Amino acid sequence: THRADLLASMTSNDPPARLEDYLSVLRVRKGVIAIAILSVMAITFGLSLLQTEIYESEAKVLVEPLSLSPGEPATPPNMETEKEVVASAEVATRAAERLDYDGDVEALLEPLTAEVTAGAEIIVMRYEHPVPEEARRRARAFAEAYLEFRSERAAAELLTSREPLEVELARLDAELQRVNQEIADEVDPDRVDTLQAEAEALIGQIAIVQ
């Protein structure tokens, strides 16, 4: 029967396992374990090689208030707006020109961060790169590119704001020349006094506009 066969198989005449058999199996498994450990070590070492050191360089820029007219007070800068300008494509393009960088501008911008110093009109630019000297070059290039862009923008705003003043200045100057010519031609002393007072008033207006 099935039970008898099972008992027969359990009491077969096969020789019992010896110590040498267990040691042989253990040696085989030991080799497998050693291979597995070496594989893990190799993977760990490979990952450590991929963890490249990153260096960070810092550049600080003082954002000074700008005045569009000598007679007007300087306007404090909007620091959040200026921080966005630092990370703009326009500034990055100028920085790329300084670095002779012909790659993607967005890729050049990615390692850059800009922060506003609390309580001060200072922007701190930080740039990360595996090569320390390159991190310094790029941080400096972005700082110089931002200052250049801001200077040109201020000059354009100043020119735009001066256009109406230049028109007014030309009108006053032409009026002054007319009055001076009348003074030269006038023979009536009372009329000359009136014209001279008018000329002085025009000179005062010209001084204000300038």
Protein backbone atom coordinates (compact mmCIF):
# COMPACT_ATOMS: atom_id res chain seq x y z
CA THR A 1 0.00 0.00 0.00
CA HIS A 2 0.90 3.66 -0.15
CA ARG A 3 1.69 3.75 3.57
CA ALA A 4 3.90 0.66 3.27
CA ASP A 5 5.73 2.15 0.35
CA LEU A 6 6.27 5.34 2.33
CA LEU A 7 7.64 3.41 5.28
CA ALA A 8 9.84 1.42 2.97
CA SER A 9 11.25 4.58 1.46
CA MET A 10 11.92 6.01 4.92
CA THR A 11 13.73 2.83 5.96
CA SER A 12 15.62 2.29 2.75
CA ASN A 13 19.15 0.96 2.80
CA ASP A 14 20.69 4.19 1.41
CA PRO A 15 23.73 5.15 3.46
CA PRO A 16 23.14 8.06 5.86
CA ALA A 17 24.51 11.52 4.98
CA ARG A 18 28.04 11.93 6.18
CA LEU A 19 29.82 15.01 7.56
CA GLU A 20 31.81 15.29 4.35
CA ASP A 21 28.53 15.65 2.40
CA TYR A 22 27.41 18.60 4.56
CA LEU A 23 30.81 20.27 4.22
CA SER A 24 30.70 19.85 0.46
CA VAL A 25 27.27 21.53 0.28
CA LEU A 26 28.47 24.29 2.58
CA ARG A 27 31.51 24.96 0.40
CA VAL A 28 29.30 25.34 -2.66
CA ARG A 29 26.93 27.69 -0.86
CA LYS A 30 29.85 29.62 0.58
CA GLY A 31 31.05 30.33 -2.95
CA VAL A 32 27.61 31.60 -3.93
CA ILE A 33 27.47 33.83 -0.82
CA ALA A 34 30.93 35.21 -1.55
CA ILE A 35 29.94 36.06 -5.13
CA ALA A 36 26.81 37.82 -3.90
CA ILE A 37 28.81 39.88 -1.39
CA LEU A 38 31.36 40.85 -4.03
CA SER A 39 28.56 41.87 -6.37
CA VAL A 40 27.03 44.15 -3.73
CA MET A 41 30.45 45.66 -3.01
CA ALA A 42 31.01 46.31 -6.72
CA ILE A 43 27.64 48.03 -7.08
CA THR A 44 28.27 50.17 -4.00
CA PHE A 45 31.70 51.18 -5.27
CA GLY A 46 30.29 52.00 -8.67
CA LEU A 47 27.65 54.26 -7.13
CA SER A 48 30.26 56.07 -5.06
CA LEU A 49 32.21 56.87 -8.21
CA LEU A 50 29.11 58.54 -9.67
CA GLN A 51 28.78 60.92 -6.69
CA THR A 52 30.90 63.78 -8.11
CA GLU A 53 31.99 66.56 -5.77
CA ILE A 54 30.17 69.85 -6.45
CA TYR A 55 31.77 73.21 -5.66
CA GLU A 56 29.83 76.42 -5.03
CA SER A 57 31.05 79.94 -5.74
CA GLU A 58 29.36 83.10 -4.49
CA ALA A 59 29.15 86.64 -5.88
CA LYS A 60 27.46 89.57 -4.15
CA VAL A 61 26.05 92.59 -5.99
CA LEU A 62 24.92 95.87 -4.42
CA VAL A 63 21.78 97.08 -6.18
CA GLU A 64 21.99 100.86 -5.90
CA PRO A 65 18.92 103.09 -6.25
CA LEU A 66 18.66 104.91 -9.57
CA SER A 67 17.68 108.52 -10.21
CA LEU A 68 16.28 109.46 -13.60
CA SER A 69 16.86 113.15 -12.97
CA PRO A 70 19.46 115.08 -10.97
CA GLY A 71 16.70 117.01 -9.21
CA GLU A 72 14.67 113.95 -8.25
CA PRO A 73 15.30 111.54 -5.35
CA ALA A 74 16.61 108.09 -6.22
CA THR A 75 14.00 105.33 -6.47
CA PRO A 76 14.70 102.28 -4.27
CA PRO A 77 14.96 99.07 -6.33
CA ASN A 78 12.38 96.31 -6.19
CA MET A 79 14.66 93.54 -4.96
CA GLU A 80 12.35 90.66 -5.89
CA THR A 81 12.17 91.98 -9.44
CA GLU A 82 15.93 92.38 -9.57
CA LYS A 83 16.37 88.80 -8.36
CA GLU A 84 14.21 87.59 -11.25
CA VAL A 85 16.30 89.67 -13.66
CA VAL A 86 19.45 87.88 -12.47
CA ALA A 87 17.96 84.53 -13.49
CA SER A 88 16.54 85.82 -16.79
CA ALA A 89 17.48 84.57 -20.23
CA GLU A 90 18.74 88.05 -21.14
CA VAL A 91 21.32 88.05 -18.36
CA ALA A 92 22.22 84.40 -19.03
CA THR A 93 22.86 85.21 -22.69
CA ARG A 94 25.24 88.02 -21.70
CA ALA A 95 26.98 85.71 -19.23
CA ALA A 96 27.36 83.07 -21.95
CA GLU A 97 29.08 85.63 -24.18
CA ARG A 98 31.55 86.46 -21.42
CA LEU A 99 32.27 82.75 -20.88
CA ASP A 100 32.47 81.88 -24.61
CA TYR A 101 29.75 79.36 -23.82
CA ASP A 102 27.87 78.11 -26.87
CA GLY A 103 25.59 75.57 -25.17
CA ASP A 104 21.99 75.79 -24.05
CA VAL A 105 21.30 78.94 -22.03
CA GLU A 106 18.77 77.11 -19.86
CA ALA A 107 21.43 74.55 -18.94
CA LEU A 108 23.79 77.39 -18.02
CA LEU A 109 21.11 78.89 -15.78
CA GLU A 110 20.21 75.66 -13.96
CA PRO A 111 23.07 75.62 -11.39
CA LEU A 112 22.52 79.32 -10.57
CA THR A 113 20.62 80.51 -7.51
CA ALA A 114 19.95 84.11 -6.46
CA GLU A 115 18.87 85.33 -3.03
CA VAL A 116 18.13 88.76 -1.60
CA THR A 117 19.91 89.65 1.63
CA ALA A 118 17.32 90.57 4.24
CA GLY A 119 17.40 94.23 5.18
CA ALA A 120 19.91 95.15 2.47
CA GLU A 121 19.85 95.91 -1.24
CA ILE A 122 22.25 93.05 -2.00
CA ILE A 123 21.73 90.06 -4.27
CA VAL A 124 23.80 86.94 -3.54
CA MET A 125 24.45 84.77 -6.59
CA ARG A 126 25.65 81.19 -6.10
CA TYR A 127 26.85 78.88 -8.85
CA GLU A 128 27.57 75.14 -8.57
CA HIS A 129 30.04 73.25 -10.76
CA PRO A 130 32.30 70.17 -10.42
CA VAL A 131 35.34 72.37 -11.20
CA PRO A 132 35.96 75.07 -8.55
CA GLU A 133 37.57 77.57 -10.93
CA GLU A 134 34.68 77.20 -13.37
CA ALA A 135 32.19 77.80 -10.55
CA ARG A 136 34.01 81.07 -9.78
CA ARG A 137 34.13 82.11 -13.45
CA ARG A 138 30.43 81.54 -13.96
CA ALA A 139 29.36 83.27 -10.74
CA ARG A 140 31.47 86.29 -11.72
CA ALA A 141 30.13 86.24 -15.29
CA PHE A 142 26.52 86.33 -14.09
CA ALA A 143 27.28 89.19 -11.67
CA GLU A 144 28.95 91.26 -14.40
CA ALA A 145 26.23 90.43 -16.92
CA TYR A 146 23.53 91.55 -14.49
CA LEU A 147 25.29 94.85 -13.74
CA GLU A 148 25.78 95.50 -17.44
CA PHE A 149 22.13 94.78 -18.19
CA ARG A 150 20.92 96.98 -15.33
CA SER A 151 23.17 99.85 -16.39
CA GLU A 152 21.92 99.72 -19.98
CA ARG A 153 18.31 99.49 -18.81
CA ALA A 154 18.78 102.55 -16.56
CA ALA A 155 20.35 104.50 -19.41
CA ALA A 156 17.42 103.66 -21.67
CA GLU A 157 14.92 104.72 -19.00
CA LEU A 158 16.83 107.94 -18.44
CA LEU A 159 16.85 108.70 -22.14
CA THR A 160 13.12 108.06 -22.38
CA SER A 161 12.38 110.28 -19.41
CA ARG A 162 14.63 113.06 -20.80
CA GLU A 163 12.98 113.28 -24.20
CA PRO A 164 10.12 115.58 -23.06
CA LEU A 165 12.62 117.66 -21.09
CA GLU A 166 14.87 118.03 -24.12
CA VAL A 167 11.92 119.30 -26.14
CA GLU A 168 11.08 121.82 -23.43
CA LEU A 169 14.72 122.85 -23.13
CA ALA A 170 14.93 123.52 -26.87
CA ARG A 171 11.79 125.65 -26.71
CA LEU A 172 13.10 127.73 -23.77
CA ASP A 173 16.47 128.20 -25.45
CA ALA A 174 14.83 129.45 -28.64
CA GLU A 175 12.67 131.82 -26.60
CA LEU A 176 15.72 133.16 -24.78
CA GLN A 177 17.51 133.82 -28.06
CA ARG A 178 14.49 135.75 -29.32
CA VAL A 179 14.34 137.89 -26.17
CA ASN A 180 18.07 138.60 -26.30
CA GLN A 181 17.74 139.70 -29.90
CA GLU A 182 14.90 142.05 -28.96
CA ILE A 183 17.04 143.52 -26.16
CA ALA A 184 19.81 144.18 -28.66
CA ASP A 185 17.41 145.89 -31.07
CA GLU A 186 15.35 147.78 -28.51
CA VAL A 187 16.07 151.48 -27.87
CA ASP A 188 13.39 152.12 -25.25
CA PRO A 189 15.01 151.73 -21.79
CA ASP A 190 11.75 150.68 -20.12
CA ARG A 191 11.16 148.00 -22.76
CA VAL A 192 14.74 146.82 -22.34
CA ASP A 193 14.18 146.39 -18.59
CA THR A 194 11.07 144.33 -19.26
CA LEU A 195 12.87 142.14 -21.78
CA GLN A 196 15.81 141.63 -19.42
CA ALA A 197 13.45 140.48 -16.65
CA GLU A 198 11.87 138.06 -19.15
CA ALA A 199 15.31 136.79 -20.14
CA GLU A 200 16.27 136.17 -16.51
CA ALA A 201 13.06 134.22 -15.96
CA LEU A 202 13.83 132.05 -19.00
CA ILE A 203 17.36 131.42 -17.72
CA GLY A 204 15.87 130.27 -14.41
CA GLN A 205 13.49 127.87 -16.16
CA ILE A 206 16.33 126.46 -18.26
CA ALA A 207 18.37 125.81 -15.11
CA ILE A 208 15.47 123.84 -13.58
CA VAL A 209 14.93 121.72 -16.70
CA GLN A 210 18.63 120.94 -17.04
